[in-house]
Amino acid sequence: MENALKKNFSKNESPLVFRNFITMSYNENFTTEFYVDNEFYVSKVTKLKSNQFEAIKRKENSAFFEKSEDGKLLKINPYKSEKSFYVIIKQ
């Protein structure tokens, strides 16, 4: 997509690094503890306008829009990903 500003980060350069550390046990006395320790970070930031994030899908080689079986306009999300989260910043 055009006009999208992108910046990639290593773990050391990332503006946000997260860690969760959870202690769990199968009994309330915690005699058999186990741990989950995860760390992750923001590896890429993409800044774009809302109309670039989600657009109405056009029929191939046509000026007409595609619709679902119930008549709603179909949308495409080229930046949508299971491993991403999205923030709307009002300016």
Protein backbone atom coordinates (compact mmCIF):
# COMPACT_ATOMS: atom_id res chain seq x y z
CA MET A 1 0.00 0.00 0.00
CA GLU A 2 1.24 3.44 -0.82
CA ASN A 3 1.85 6.15 1.79
CA ALA A 4 2.17 3.65 4.64
CA LEU A 5 5.11 4.49 6.89
CA LYS A 6 6.91 1.42 8.26
CA LYS A 7 9.62 1.01 10.88
CA ASN A 8 11.15 -2.31 11.93
CA PHE A 9 12.73 -2.85 15.35
CA SER A 10 15.06 -5.37 16.92
CA LYS A 11 14.37 -6.39 20.51
CA ASN A 12 16.96 -3.88 21.76
CA GLU A 13 15.52 -1.00 19.69
CA SER A 14 11.84 -1.74 20.32
CA PRO A 15 9.73 1.01 21.90
CA LEU A 16 7.76 -1.68 23.81
CA VAL A 17 9.00 -4.93 25.35
CA PHE A 18 6.57 -7.11 27.33
CA ARG A 19 7.12 -9.95 29.76
CA ASN A 20 4.69 -12.13 31.64
CA PHE A 21 5.70 -14.48 34.41
CA ILE A 22 2.97 -16.70 35.80
CA THR A 23 3.27 -19.20 38.65
CA MET A 24 0.71 -22.00 38.62
CA SER A 25 -0.04 -25.15 40.55
CA TYR A 26 -2.50 -28.03 40.38
CA ASN A 27 -3.29 -27.65 44.08
CA GLU A 28 -4.00 -24.67 46.32
CA ASN A 29 -0.93 -25.31 48.53
CA PHE A 30 1.40 -24.77 45.55
CA THR A 31 3.42 -27.87 46.43
CA THR A 32 4.00 -28.57 42.73
CA GLU A 33 4.56 -25.19 41.12
CA PHE A 34 5.31 -24.60 37.49
CA TYR A 35 5.98 -21.42 35.59
CA VAL A 36 5.20 -19.74 32.32
CA ASP A 37 7.68 -17.04 31.35
CA ASN A 38 7.17 -15.25 28.03
CA GLU A 39 8.75 -12.17 26.54
CA PHE A 40 7.82 -10.40 23.34
CA TYR A 41 8.28 -7.00 21.76
CA VAL A 42 7.01 -4.68 19.06
CA SER A 43 9.00 -5.62 15.96
CA LYS A 44 7.26 -3.37 13.45
CA VAL A 45 5.11 -0.24 13.47
CA THR A 46 3.09 0.72 10.40
CA LYS A 47 1.39 4.10 10.26
CA LEU A 48 -1.39 4.51 7.73
CA LYS A 49 -4.72 6.17 7.17
CA SER A 50 -7.88 4.26 8.07
CA ASN A 51 -8.96 3.96 4.44
CA GLN A 52 -5.67 2.16 3.71
CA PHE A 53 -6.24 -0.36 6.51
CA GLU A 54 -9.69 -1.41 5.40
CA ALA A 55 -11.17 -0.89 1.95
CA ILE A 56 -14.23 -2.01 0.05
CA LYS A 57 -13.41 -4.87 -2.31
CA ARG A 58 -13.89 -4.16 -6.01
CA LYS A 59 -14.82 -6.76 -8.59
CA GLU A 60 -11.83 -7.77 -10.70
CA ASN A 61 -11.39 -5.52 -13.77
CA SER A 62 -14.49 -3.54 -12.79
CA ALA A 63 -15.56 -0.30 -11.14
CA PHE A 64 -18.27 -2.18 -9.18
CA PHE A 65 -17.95 -3.37 -5.58
CA GLU A 66 -18.31 -6.97 -4.46
CA LYS A 67 -21.16 -7.90 -2.12
CA SER A 68 -21.77 -10.88 0.13
CA GLU A 69 -24.79 -13.17 -0.27
CA ASP A 70 -26.76 -11.01 2.17
CA GLY A 71 -25.99 -7.85 0.17
CA LYS A 72 -23.32 -6.31 2.41
CA LEU A 73 -20.23 -4.77 0.85
CA LEU A 74 -17.14 -6.98 1.19
CA LYS A 75 -14.07 -5.41 2.74
CA ILE A 76 -10.40 -6.25 2.39
CA ASN A 77 -7.80 -5.81 5.12
CA PRO A 78 -4.32 -6.08 3.58
CA TYR A 79 -2.58 -5.36 6.91
CA LYS A 80 -4.68 -7.66 9.11
CA SER A 81 -2.70 -10.43 10.82
CA GLU A 82 -3.13 -12.90 13.69
CA LYS A 83 0.19 -11.73 15.14
CA SER A 84 -0.63 -8.02 15.14
CA PHE A 85 -2.64 -5.54 17.12
CA TYR A 86 -4.00 -2.21 16.01
CA VAL A 87 -4.33 1.19 17.65
CA ILE A 88 -6.36 4.13 16.35
CA ILE A 89 -4.66 7.42 17.17
CA LYS A 90 -6.88 10.45 16.76
CA GLN A 91 -4.94 13.51 15.66
